[in-house]
C-alpha atoms as a PDB file:
ATOM      1  CA  UNK A   1      21.155  93.182  98.903  1.00  0.00           C
ATOM      2  CA  UNK A   2      24.885  92.798  99.547  1.00  0.00           C
ATOM      3  CA  UNK A   3      24.768  96.225 101.216  1.00  0.00           C
ATOM      4  CA  UNK A   4      22.456  94.838 103.883  1.00  0.00           C
ATOM      5  CA  UNK A   5      24.838  92.001 104.617  1.00  0.00           C
ATOM      6  CA  UNK A   6      27.719  94.456 104.851  1.00  0.00           C
ATOM      7  CA  UNK A   7      25.724  96.774 107.116  1.00  0.00           C
ATOM      8  CA  UNK A   8      24.798  93.816 109.298  1.00  0.00           C
ATOM      9  CA  UNK A   9      28.400  92.721 109.627  1.00  0.00           C
ATOM     10  CA  UNK A  10      29.436  96.279 110.448  1.00  0.00           C
ATOM     11  CA  UNK A  11      26.734  96.476 113.096  1.00  0.00           C
ATOM     12  CA  UNK A  12      27.882  93.203 114.587  1.00  0.00           C
ATOM     13  CA  UNK A  13      31.470  94.467 114.853  1.00  0.00           C
ATOM     14  CA  UNK A  14      30.212  97.654 116.457  1.00  0.00           C
ATOM     15  CA  UNK A  15      28.151  95.525 118.856  1.00  0.00           C
ATOM     16  CA  UNK A  16      31.214  93.615 119.938  1.00  0.00           C
ATOM     17  CA  UNK A  17      33.057  96.877 120.500  1.00  0.00           C
ATOM     18  CA  UNK A  18      29.989  98.184 122.439  1.00  0.00           C
ATOM     19  CA  UNK A  19      30.192  95.203 124.804  1.00  0.00           C
ATOM     20  CA  UNK A  20      33.958  95.779 125.248  1.00  0.00           C
ATOM     21  CA  UNK A  21      33.363  99.501 125.878  1.00  0.00           C
ATOM     22  CA  UNK A  22      30.774  98.715 128.542  1.00  0.00           C
ATOM     23  CA  UNK A  23      33.277  96.369 130.154  1.00  0.00           C
ATOM     24  CA  UNK A  24      35.742  99.238 130.284  1.00  0.00           C
ATOM     25  CA  UNK A  25      33.290 101.100 132.490  1.00  0.00           C
ATOM     26  CA  UNK A  26      33.322  98.246 134.981  1.00  0.00           C
ATOM     27  CA  UNK A  27      37.038  97.527 134.964  1.00  0.00           C
ATOM     28  CA  UNK A  28      39.725  99.621 133.325  1.00  0.00           C
ATOM     29  CA  UNK A  29      41.765  96.801 131.838  1.00  0.00           C
ATOM     30  CA  UNK A  30      43.308  98.656 128.862  1.00  0.00           C
ATOM     31  CA  UNK A  31      46.538 100.497 129.548  1.00  0.00           C
ATOM     32  CA  UNK A  32      46.851 102.288 126.183  1.00  0.00           C
ATOM     33  CA  UNK A  33      44.645 105.427 126.053  1.00  0.00           C
ATOM     34  CA  UNK A  34      44.627 105.413 122.246  1.00  0.00           C
ATOM     35  CA  UNK A  35      43.254 101.902 122.125  1.00  0.00           C
ATOM     36  CA  UNK A  36      40.693 102.760 124.811  1.00  0.00           C
ATOM     37  CA  UNK A  37      39.437 105.808 122.921  1.00  0.00           C
ATOM     38  CA  UNK A  38      39.205 103.782 119.722  1.00  0.00           C
ATOM     39  CA  UNK A  39      37.128 101.083 121.450  1.00  0.00           C
ATOM     40  CA  UNK A  40      34.830 103.701 122.982  1.00  0.00           C
ATOM     41  CA  UNK A  41      34.421 105.557 119.714  1.00  0.00           C
ATOM     42  CA  UNK A  42      33.522 102.471 117.707  1.00  0.00           C
ATOM     43  CA  UNK A  43      31.347 101.010 120.444  1.00  0.00           C
ATOM     44  CA  UNK A  44      29.340 104.014 121.492  1.00  0.00           C
ATOM     45  CA  UNK A  45      29.440 106.547 118.694  1.00  0.00           C
ATOM     46  CA  UNK A  46      29.270 104.286 115.713  1.00  0.00           C
ATOM     47  CA  UNK A  47      26.926 101.940 117.526  1.00  0.00           C
ATOM     48  CA  UNK A  48      24.547 104.758 118.267  1.00  0.00           C
ATOM     49  CA  UNK A  49      24.181 105.374 114.528  1.00  0.00           C
ATOM     50  CA  UNK A  50      24.646 101.877 113.042  1.00  0.00           C
ATOM     51  CA  UNK A  51      22.323  99.848 115.298  1.00  0.00           C
ATOM     52  CA  UNK A  52      19.121 101.777 114.663  1.00  0.00           C
ATOM     53  CA  UNK A  53      19.935 102.143 110.962  1.00  0.00           C
ATOM     54  CA  UNK A  54      20.510  98.413 110.555  1.00  0.00           C
ATOM     55  CA  UNK A  55      17.382  97.443 112.402  1.00  0.00           C
ATOM     56  CA  UNK A  56      15.340 100.005 110.423  1.00  0.00           C
ATOM     57  CA  UNK A  57      16.648  98.414 107.228  1.00  0.00           C
ATOM     58  CA  UNK A  58      15.640  95.015 108.554  1.00  0.00           C
ATOM     59  CA  UNK A  59      12.141  96.316 109.206  1.00  0.00           C
ATOM     60  CA  UNK A  60      11.886  97.793 105.707  1.00  0.00           C
ATOM     61  CA  UNK A  61      13.035  94.577 104.071  1.00  0.00           C
ATOM     62  CA  UNK A  62      10.557  92.604 106.171  1.00  0.00           C
ATOM     63  CA  UNK A  63       7.733  94.924 105.197  1.00  0.00           C
ATOM     64  CA  UNK A  64       8.594  94.976 101.509  1.00  0.00           C
ATOM     65  CA  UNK A  65      10.092  91.615 100.590  1.00  0.00           C
ATOM     66  CA  UNK A  66       9.466  89.386 103.653  1.00  0.00           C
ATOM     67  CA  UNK A  67      12.558  87.273 102.933  1.00  0.00           C
ATOM     68  CA  UNK A  68      15.185  88.595 105.307  1.00  0.00           C
ATOM     69  CA  UNK A  69      16.739  85.157 105.839  1.00  0.00           C
ATOM     70  CA  UNK A  70      17.661  85.043 102.135  1.00  0.00           C
ATOM     71  CA  UNK A  71      19.925  88.078 102.520  1.00  0.00           C
ATOM     72  CA  UNK A  72      21.260  87.976 106.080  1.00  0.00           C
ATOM     73  CA  UNK A  73      21.811  84.966 108.366  1.00  0.00           C
ATOM     74  CA  UNK A  74      19.287  84.704 111.186  1.00  0.00           C
ATOM     75  CA  UNK A  75      21.913  84.662 113.938  1.00  0.00           C
ATOM     76  CA  UNK A  76      23.286  87.965 112.665  1.00  0.00           C
ATOM     77  CA  UNK A  77      19.849  89.591 112.666  1.00  0.00           C
ATOM     78  CA  UNK A  78      19.147  88.368 116.213  1.00  0.00           C
ATOM     79  CA  UNK A  79      22.573  89.528 117.447  1.00  0.00           C
ATOM     80  CA  UNK A  80      22.028  93.028 115.977  1.00  0.00           C
ATOM     81  CA  UNK A  81      18.554  93.272 117.497  1.00  0.00           C
ATOM     82  CA  UNK A  82      20.012  92.198 120.827  1.00  0.00           C
ATOM     83  CA  UNK A  83      22.769  94.842 120.542  1.00  0.00           C
ATOM     84  CA  UNK A  84      20.132  97.506 119.837  1.00  0.00           C
ATOM     85  CA  UNK A  85      18.147  96.482 122.892  1.00  0.00           C
ATOM     86  CA  UNK A  86      21.278  96.535 125.043  1.00  0.00           C
ATOM     87  CA  UNK A  87      22.134 100.019 123.763  1.00  0.00           C
ATOM     88  CA  UNK A  88      18.640 101.285 124.554  1.00  0.00           C
ATOM     89  CA  UNK A  89      18.873  99.761 128.010  1.00  0.00           C
ATOM     90  CA  UNK A  90      22.292 101.357 128.525  1.00  0.00           C
ATOM     91  CA  UNK A  91      21.023 104.801 127.460  1.00  0.00           C
ATOM     92  CA  UNK A  92      18.092 104.577 129.845  1.00  0.00           C
ATOM     93  CA  UNK A  93      20.372 103.346 132.605  1.00  0.00           C
ATOM     94  CA  UNK A  94      22.651 106.340 132.221  1.00  0.00           C
ATOM     95  CA  UNK A  95      19.717 108.740 132.210  1.00  0.00           C
ATOM     96  CA  UNK A  96      18.186 107.265 135.314  1.00  0.00           C
ATOM     97  CA  UNK A  97      17.958 109.910 138.037  1.00  0.00           C
ATOM     98  CA  UNK A  98      18.865 107.313 140.709  1.00  0.00           C
ATOM     99  CA  UNK A  99      22.085 106.460 138.871  1.00  0.00           C
ATOM    100  CA  UNK A 100      23.593 109.854 139.703  1.00  0.00           C
ATOM    101  CA  UNK A 101      22.620 109.873 143.372  1.00  0.00           C
ATOM    102  CA  UNK A 102      24.986 108.711 146.093  1.00  0.00           C
END
């Protein structure tokens, strides 16, 4: 189950980049466009794939083995679930019809 720990760490890194990418929407504090595009790519694109995949693997391990804490630390699991919820909220926020009205 080392792959689950690796996937969890990767999802956590993508989650941190997702928070940084959301902060770039509020305030453009990065002057380098290459760095900005890298942050956005890792935060949004990889996060959109990695968060659901990681949480689906958590669910499968819980349903089959029921010992998720033995493989992945609890704080990492909670952080990745929180990042998934934030991503879902962000997607619904962007697709809100009142968001695009002036």
